[in-house]
Amino acid sequence: MGKIPYFIMILFIAIAFFLHILALIHIFPMLLSAPILFTSILIFIVYLNDRRRFRGF
């Protein structure tokens, strides 16, 4: 059950990367694909960084 969020986030990054490739060949708008790719990578990095943080007593 713990690996499902990783799989969903990596799948979202792959879809965003595919949309960005389509934007580079002028099939999809670049103004939409770049923020989608950025936010998908940012959410993945924030999720990896926030897992085992000590929150105090």
Protein backbone atom coordinates (compact mmCIF):
# COMPACT_ATOMS: atom_id res chain seq x y z
CA MET A 1 0.00 0.00 0.00
CA GLY A 2 2.94 2.31 0.54
CA LYS A 3 4.15 2.19 -3.05
CA ILE A 4 0.89 3.39 -4.63
CA PRO A 5 1.62 7.14 -4.19
CA TYR A 6 5.05 6.67 -5.79
CA PHE A 7 3.51 4.90 -8.77
CA ILE A 8 0.83 7.58 -9.21
CA MET A 9 3.36 10.41 -9.00
CA ILE A 10 5.77 8.78 -11.44
CA LEU A 11 2.87 8.12 -13.81
CA PHE A 12 1.84 11.78 -13.54
CA ILE A 13 5.42 12.87 -14.30
CA ALA A 14 5.52 10.56 -17.33
CA ILE A 15 2.25 11.97 -18.67
CA ALA A 16 3.46 15.53 -18.09
CA PHE A 17 6.73 14.73 -19.85
CA PHE A 18 4.82 13.28 -22.81
CA LEU A 19 2.69 16.42 -23.00
CA HIS A 20 5.84 18.52 -22.91
CA ILE A 21 7.32 16.52 -25.79
CA LEU A 22 4.11 17.15 -27.71
CA ALA A 23 4.46 20.84 -26.93
CA LEU A 24 7.98 20.87 -28.31
CA ILE A 25 6.71 19.61 -31.66
CA HIS A 26 3.86 22.16 -31.58
CA ILE A 27 0.93 19.80 -31.03
CA PHE A 28 0.11 20.87 -27.46
CA PRO A 29 0.47 24.42 -26.05
CA MET A 30 3.76 25.06 -24.29
CA LEU A 31 2.12 27.44 -21.81
CA LEU A 32 0.17 24.52 -20.39
CA SER A 33 2.74 21.75 -20.57
CA ALA A 34 5.62 23.52 -18.82
CA PRO A 35 3.71 24.36 -15.59
CA ILE A 36 2.19 20.87 -15.50
CA LEU A 37 5.64 19.27 -15.75
CA PHE A 38 7.09 21.65 -13.17
CA THR A 39 4.33 21.06 -10.64
CA SER A 40 4.42 17.29 -11.09
CA ILE A 41 8.16 17.19 -10.40
CA LEU A 42 7.80 19.66 -7.51
CA ILE A 43 5.04 17.62 -5.85
CA PHE A 44 7.12 14.45 -6.18
CA ILE A 45 10.20 16.08 -4.62
CA VAL A 46 8.18 17.63 -1.78
CA TYR A 47 6.54 14.26 -1.07
CA LEU A 48 9.91 12.50 -0.95
CA ASN A 49 11.39 15.16 1.30
CA ASP A 50 8.50 15.29 3.79
CA ARG A 51 8.06 11.60 4.61
CA ARG A 52 10.15 11.05 7.73
CA ARG A 53 10.47 14.48 9.25
CA PHE A 54 10.62 14.82 13.02
CA ARG A 55 7.67 17.02 14.00
CA GLY A 56 8.55 17.57 17.66
CA PHE A 57 7.10 16.43 20.93
